[in-house]
Structure formats: C-alpha cells, structure tokens
C-alpha atoms as a PDB file:
ATOM      1  CA  UNK A   1      -2.486 -49.642 -26.657  1.00  0.00           C
ATOM      2  CA  UNK A   2      -2.291 -51.023 -23.154  1.00  0.00           C
ATOM      3  CA  UNK A   3       1.136 -52.606 -22.986  1.00  0.00           C
ATOM      4  CA  UNK A   4       3.329 -52.799 -19.870  1.00  0.00           C
ATOM      5  CA  UNK A   5       5.846 -50.547 -21.659  1.00  0.00           C
ATOM      6  CA  UNK A   6       3.204 -47.876 -22.296  1.00  0.00           C
ATOM      7  CA  UNK A   7       2.051 -48.014 -18.676  1.00  0.00           C
ATOM      8  CA  UNK A   8       5.610 -47.646 -17.404  1.00  0.00           C
ATOM      9  CA  UNK A   9       6.160 -44.771 -19.834  1.00  0.00           C
ATOM     10  CA  UNK A  10       3.144 -42.956 -18.393  1.00  0.00           C
ATOM     11  CA  UNK A  11       4.319 -43.542 -14.832  1.00  0.00           C
ATOM     12  CA  UNK A  12       7.887 -42.480 -15.539  1.00  0.00           C
ATOM     13  CA  UNK A  13       7.248 -39.464 -17.786  1.00  0.00           C
ATOM     14  CA  UNK A  14       3.737 -38.158 -17.297  1.00  0.00           C
ATOM     15  CA  UNK A  15       3.307 -38.290 -13.517  1.00  0.00           C
ATOM     16  CA  UNK A  16       6.653 -36.631 -12.601  1.00  0.00           C
ATOM     17  CA  UNK A  17       5.983 -33.952 -15.247  1.00  0.00           C
ATOM     18  CA  UNK A  18       2.504 -33.304 -13.845  1.00  0.00           C
ATOM     19  CA  UNK A  19       3.931 -33.162 -10.311  1.00  0.00           C
ATOM     20  CA  UNK A  20       6.659 -30.702 -11.373  1.00  0.00           C
ATOM     21  CA  UNK A  21       4.175 -28.406 -13.122  1.00  0.00           C
ATOM     22  CA  UNK A  22       1.879 -28.489 -10.082  1.00  0.00           C
ATOM     23  CA  UNK A  23       4.673 -27.463  -7.734  1.00  0.00           C
ATOM     24  CA  UNK A  24       5.715 -24.526  -9.930  1.00  0.00           C
ATOM     25  CA  UNK A  25       2.136 -23.291 -10.296  1.00  0.00           C
ATOM     26  CA  UNK A  26       1.711 -23.113  -6.516  1.00  0.00           C
ATOM     27  CA  UNK A  27       4.809 -21.045  -5.722  1.00  0.00           C
ATOM     28  CA  UNK A  28       4.965 -17.725  -7.541  1.00  0.00           C
ATOM     29  CA  UNK A  29       8.166 -15.749  -7.808  1.00  0.00           C
ATOM     30  CA  UNK A  30       8.418 -12.063  -7.036  1.00  0.00           C
ATOM     31  CA  UNK A  31       9.089 -11.514 -10.752  1.00  0.00           C
ATOM     32  CA  UNK A  32       5.865 -13.342 -11.700  1.00  0.00           C
ATOM     33  CA  UNK A  33       3.857 -11.366  -9.145  1.00  0.00           C
ATOM     34  CA  UNK A  34       5.225  -8.084 -10.533  1.00  0.00           C
ATOM     35  CA  UNK A  35       4.924  -8.953 -14.230  1.00  0.00           C
ATOM     36  CA  UNK A  36       1.336 -10.163 -13.838  1.00  0.00           C
ATOM     37  CA  UNK A  37       0.405  -7.144 -11.671  1.00  0.00           C
ATOM     38  CA  UNK A  38      -0.904  -9.405  -8.893  1.00  0.00           C
ATOM     39  CA  UNK A  39      -2.329  -7.334  -6.028  1.00  0.00           C
ATOM     40  CA  UNK A  40      -3.286 -10.171  -3.686  1.00  0.00           C
ATOM     41  CA  UNK A  41      -3.380 -13.944  -3.302  1.00  0.00           C
ATOM     42  CA  UNK A  42      -5.811 -15.873  -1.131  1.00  0.00           C
ATOM     43  CA  UNK A  43      -4.739 -19.400  -0.238  1.00  0.00           C
ATOM     44  CA  UNK A  44      -7.505 -21.853   0.619  1.00  0.00           C
ATOM     45  CA  UNK A  45      -7.188 -25.377   1.988  1.00  0.00           C
ATOM     46  CA  UNK A  46      -9.978 -27.922   1.612  1.00  0.00           C
ATOM     47  CA  UNK A  47     -10.397 -30.197   4.618  1.00  0.00           C
ATOM     48  CA  UNK A  48     -13.105 -32.831   4.721  1.00  0.00           C
ATOM     49  CA  UNK A  49     -14.732 -31.196   1.711  1.00  0.00           C
ATOM     50  CA  UNK A  50     -14.886 -27.783   3.375  1.00  0.00           C
ATOM     51  CA  UNK A  51     -12.802 -24.857   2.013  1.00  0.00           C
ATOM     52  CA  UNK A  52     -10.955 -22.934   4.734  1.00  0.00           C
ATOM     53  CA  UNK A  53      -9.018 -19.723   4.169  1.00  0.00           C
ATOM     54  CA  UNK A  54      -5.379 -20.478   5.029  1.00  0.00           C
ATOM     55  CA  UNK A  55      -3.541 -17.266   4.104  1.00  0.00           C
ATOM     56  CA  UNK A  56      -3.964 -13.898   2.431  1.00  0.00           C
ATOM     57  CA  UNK A  57      -1.025 -12.084   0.840  1.00  0.00           C
ATOM     58  CA  UNK A  58      -1.090  -8.493  -0.406  1.00  0.00           C
ATOM     59  CA  UNK A  59       1.577  -7.126  -2.806  1.00  0.00           C
ATOM     60  CA  UNK A  60       2.838  -3.760  -4.032  1.00  0.00           C
ATOM     61  CA  UNK A  61       3.474  -2.884  -7.698  1.00  0.00           C
ATOM     62  CA  UNK A  62       7.074  -4.200  -7.417  1.00  0.00           C
ATOM     63  CA  UNK A  63       5.981  -7.675  -6.330  1.00  0.00           C
ATOM     64  CA  UNK A  64       6.953  -7.073  -2.692  1.00  0.00           C
ATOM     65  CA  UNK A  65       4.704  -8.627  -0.095  1.00  0.00           C
ATOM     66  CA  UNK A  66       3.101  -5.866   1.998  1.00  0.00           C
ATOM     67  CA  UNK A  67       0.875  -7.912   4.263  1.00  0.00           C
ATOM     68  CA  UNK A  68       0.481 -11.571   5.142  1.00  0.00           C
ATOM     69  CA  UNK A  69      -2.441 -12.870   7.160  1.00  0.00           C
ATOM     70  CA  UNK A  70      -2.422 -16.469   8.386  1.00  0.00           C
ATOM     71  CA  UNK A  71      -5.605 -18.156   9.521  1.00  0.00           C
ATOM     72  CA  UNK A  72      -6.286 -21.020  11.934  1.00  0.00           C
ATOM     73  CA  UNK A  73      -8.205 -24.205  11.063  1.00  0.00           C
ATOM     74  CA  UNK A  74     -11.499 -22.372  11.599  1.00  0.00           C
ATOM     75  CA  UNK A  75     -10.614 -19.583   9.174  1.00  0.00           C
ATOM     76  CA  UNK A  76     -10.013 -17.019  11.940  1.00  0.00           C
ATOM     77  CA  UNK A  77      -6.955 -14.743  11.930  1.00  0.00           C
ATOM     78  CA  UNK A  78      -4.013 -16.367  13.685  1.00  0.00           C
ATOM     79  CA  UNK A  79      -1.298 -13.832  12.863  1.00  0.00           C
ATOM     80  CA  UNK A  80      -0.848 -10.758  10.690  1.00  0.00           C
ATOM     81  CA  UNK A  81       2.537  -9.588   9.386  1.00  0.00           C
ATOM     82  CA  UNK A  82       3.243  -6.251   7.719  1.00  0.00           C
ATOM     83  CA  UNK A  83       6.351  -5.580   5.620  1.00  0.00           C
ATOM     84  CA  UNK A  84       8.065  -2.313   4.641  1.00  0.00           C
ATOM     85  CA  UNK A  85      10.716  -1.710   1.981  1.00  0.00           C
ATOM     86  CA  UNK A  86      13.353   0.947   1.362  1.00  0.00           C
ATOM     87  CA  UNK A  87      13.619   3.058  -1.793  1.00  0.00           C
ATOM     88  CA  UNK A  88      15.386   0.271  -3.717  1.00  0.00           C
ATOM     89  CA  UNK A  89      12.886  -2.465  -2.776  1.00  0.00           C
ATOM     90  CA  UNK A  90      14.916  -4.128  -0.022  1.00  0.00           C
ATOM     91  CA  UNK A  91      12.874  -5.342   2.944  1.00  0.00           C
ATOM     92  CA  UNK A  92      13.530  -2.890   5.778  1.00  0.00           C
ATOM     93  CA  UNK A  93      10.974  -3.948   8.376  1.00  0.00           C
ATOM     94  CA  UNK A  94       8.738  -6.868   9.308  1.00  0.00           C
ATOM     95  CA  UNK A  95       6.184  -6.502  12.110  1.00  0.00           C
ATOM     96  CA  UNK A  96       3.976  -9.352  13.369  1.00  0.00           C
ATOM     97  CA  UNK A  97       0.701  -8.930  15.248  1.00  0.00           C
ATOM     98  CA  UNK A  98      -1.469 -11.380  17.183  1.00  0.00           C
ATOM     99  CA  UNK A  99      -5.206 -11.961  16.720  1.00  0.00           C
ATOM    100  CA  UNK A 100      -6.025  -8.831  18.742  1.00  0.00           C
ATOM    101  CA  UNK A 101      -3.737  -6.596  16.669  1.00  0.00           C
ATOM    102  CA  UNK A 102      -1.077  -6.405  19.392  1.00  0.00           C
ATOM    103  CA  UNK A 103       2.509  -6.354  18.155  1.00  0.00           C
ATOM    104  CA  UNK A 104       4.296  -9.588  19.042  1.00  0.00           C
ATOM    105  CA  UNK A 105       7.581  -9.162  17.157  1.00  0.00           C
ATOM    106  CA  UNK A 106       9.488  -6.778  14.920  1.00  0.00           C
ATOM    107  CA  UNK A 107      12.530  -7.164  12.692  1.00  0.00           C
ATOM    108  CA  UNK A 108      14.472  -4.378  11.003  1.00  0.00           C
ATOM    109  CA  UNK A 109      17.091  -4.763   8.286  1.00  0.00           C
ATOM    110  CA  UNK A 110      19.983  -2.626   7.046  1.00  0.00           C
ATOM    111  CA  UNK A 111      21.986  -3.060   3.845  1.00  0.00           C
ATOM    112  CA  UNK A 112      25.514  -2.204   2.744  1.00  0.00           C
ATOM    113  CA  UNK A 113      26.482  -0.264  -0.386  1.00  0.00           C
ATOM    114  CA  UNK A 114      26.407  -3.519  -2.391  1.00  0.00           C
ATOM    115  CA  UNK A 115      22.759  -4.008  -1.376  1.00  0.00           C
ATOM    116  CA  UNK A 116      23.598  -7.016   0.802  1.00  0.00           C
ATOM    117  CA  UNK A 117      21.810  -7.382   4.137  1.00  0.00           C
ATOM    118  CA  UNK A 118      24.411  -6.258   6.667  1.00  0.00           C
ATOM    119  CA  UNK A 119      22.368  -5.999   9.873  1.00  0.00           C
ATOM    120  CA  UNK A 120      19.238  -7.524  11.341  1.00  0.00           C
ATOM    121  CA  UNK A 121      17.612  -6.371  14.587  1.00  0.00           C
ATOM    122  CA  UNK A 122      14.924  -8.373  16.379  1.00  0.00           C
ATOM    123  CA  UNK A 123      12.544  -6.741  18.857  1.00  0.00           C
ATOM    124  CA  UNK A 124       9.848  -8.140  21.114  1.00  0.00           C
ATOM    125  CA  UNK A 125       6.230  -6.969  21.230  1.00  0.00           C
ATOM    126  CA  UNK A 126       7.200  -3.923  23.292  1.00  0.00           C
ATOM    127  CA  UNK A 127       9.807  -2.776  20.740  1.00  0.00           C
ATOM    128  CA  UNK A 128      12.627  -3.765  23.079  1.00  0.00           C
ATOM    129  CA  UNK A 129      15.712  -5.088  21.297  1.00  0.00           C
ATOM    130  CA  UNK A 130      16.170  -8.829  21.779  1.00  0.00           C
ATOM    131  CA  UNK A 131      19.088  -9.496  19.436  1.00  0.00           C
ATOM    132  CA  UNK A 132      21.199  -7.914  16.724  1.00  0.00           C
ATOM    133  CA  UNK A 133      22.977  -9.766  13.927  1.00  0.00           C
ATOM    134  CA  UNK A 134      25.776  -8.300  11.825  1.00  0.00           C
ATOM    135  CA  UNK A 135      26.938  -9.826   8.532  1.00  0.00           C
ATOM    136  CA  UNK A 136      30.407  -9.527   6.994  1.00  0.00           C
ATOM    137  CA  UNK A 137      31.320 -10.429   3.421  1.00  0.00           C
ATOM    138  CA  UNK A 138      34.351 -11.810   1.609  1.00  0.00           C
ATOM    139  CA  UNK A 139      36.080 -10.213  -1.395  1.00  0.00           C
ATOM    140  CA  UNK A 140      33.580 -11.837  -3.785  1.00  0.00           C
ATOM    141  CA  UNK A 141      30.615 -10.281  -1.984  1.00  0.00           C
ATOM    142  CA  UNK A 142      29.528 -13.569  -0.405  1.00  0.00           C
ATOM    143  CA  UNK A 143      28.600 -13.822   3.264  1.00  0.00           C
ATOM    144  CA  UNK A 144      31.637 -14.564   5.381  1.00  0.00           C
ATOM    145  CA  UNK A 145      30.243 -14.370   8.892  1.00  0.00           C
ATOM    146  CA  UNK A 146      27.115 -13.646  10.911  1.00  0.00           C
ATOM    147  CA  UNK A 147      27.640 -12.482  14.473  1.00  0.00           C
ATOM    148  CA  UNK A 148      24.626 -12.361  16.766  1.00  0.00           C
ATOM    149  CA  UNK A 149      24.583 -10.232  19.905  1.00  0.00           C
ATOM    150  CA  UNK A 150      22.074 -10.076  22.751  1.00  0.00           C
ATOM    151  CA  UNK A 151      20.328  -6.859  23.791  1.00  0.00           C
ATOM    152  CA  UNK A 152      23.311  -5.874  25.957  1.00  0.00           C
ATOM    153  CA  UNK A 153      25.785  -6.284  23.104  1.00  0.00           C
ATOM    154  CA  UNK A 154      27.254  -9.594  24.265  1.00  0.00           C
ATOM    155  CA  UNK A 155      28.254 -11.949  21.466  1.00  0.00           C
ATOM    156  CA  UNK A 156      26.028 -15.033  21.685  1.00  0.00           C
ATOM    157  CA  UNK A 157      26.741 -16.777  18.377  1.00  0.00           C
ATOM    158  CA  UNK A 158      29.050 -16.671  15.378  1.00  0.00           C
ATOM    159  CA  UNK A 159      28.106 -18.430  12.158  1.00  0.00           C
ATOM    160  CA  UNK A 160      30.727 -18.746   9.415  1.00  0.00           C
ATOM    161  CA  UNK A 161      30.129 -19.494   5.748  1.00  0.00           C
ATOM    162  CA  UNK A 162      32.601 -21.562   3.723  1.00  0.00           C
ATOM    163  CA  UNK A 163      32.310 -21.875  -0.030  1.00  0.00           C
ATOM    164  CA  UNK A 164      33.584 -24.539  -2.392  1.00  0.00           C
ATOM    165  CA  UNK A 165      34.300 -23.524  -5.953  1.00  0.00           C
END
C-alpha cells in the first residue's frame, strides 16, 4: 500500500515517534542510572567516519556523577570535573581541572533544612573566593531571590523569581 495518505501517516506518526524515543535514550536520568547500577558512561562522536571519545562520566551507587572528563576533537582530555556529595546526596562541591591536572575552578554548595540550595560559592584556580550567591525562599518553599556578592561582600546582582499559579 503506497498511497499518499499512508506516506503522510508515516511522516506524521512514525518519524516524530522515532525522534522522541531517540532523544530519551540519549539522556539518562539520575533515577535510571541508579536503578540500572550504571558505573560509567563513555560518549563517543563519529566525525568523518572516525569515532572520537567525547566524554566519560563516572557515577556512584546513588546515581550521582562523581567525575566528568571532556575530550577535544582529537580525543585528548580537555577538562576534568570532580563532584562531591553530602550525606543526603546533595552536591556539595564541584572542582574543575585543566589538561595538566591544575585546578581551574571550584564551586561549593550549602543547603537549608528543607534541602534547598541556599548558598553557592565560586572560587578560582587558587581557591580564592570570586563570588558568593545566597538564595531565599517564599512560604511555599520556592526560590524568591538570589543575591550574588563579590569576594569583598559587595552586592553585585539580585535576581528575583515570580511565579504564576
């Protein structure tokens, strides 16, 4: 059966469905990583028929990413990032290193009693504070405001969040 209706049906139903499935297969959730006991993922890109390692991700038993290595177009390490988590699986630290293993950036995170991120500190490669952001929340537990301060404590930006219900 090769009718115009059948061809349109295939284009309208089959191709978007295939595309949707392909997108979901590529991006794994933390829950999927944990439930399937995934320890690591290697991402490879094929360019001009040649496979090139693009990224390597290592996970803990809770599905938290522990290490992420990104590679350049030649398959050589471009950047390595290491993550740490607190006792209730909230990300507490993220440290990035260059190709030589030298620290280039660090972020630390603190959480309130409702397990919402309440503070974020950004450091340079020498562990010198660059900026500090503090989050406040409304009565429903949603972010109300993010205030960012420079290393000297001067307010440099305020971001507000408005919700429509």
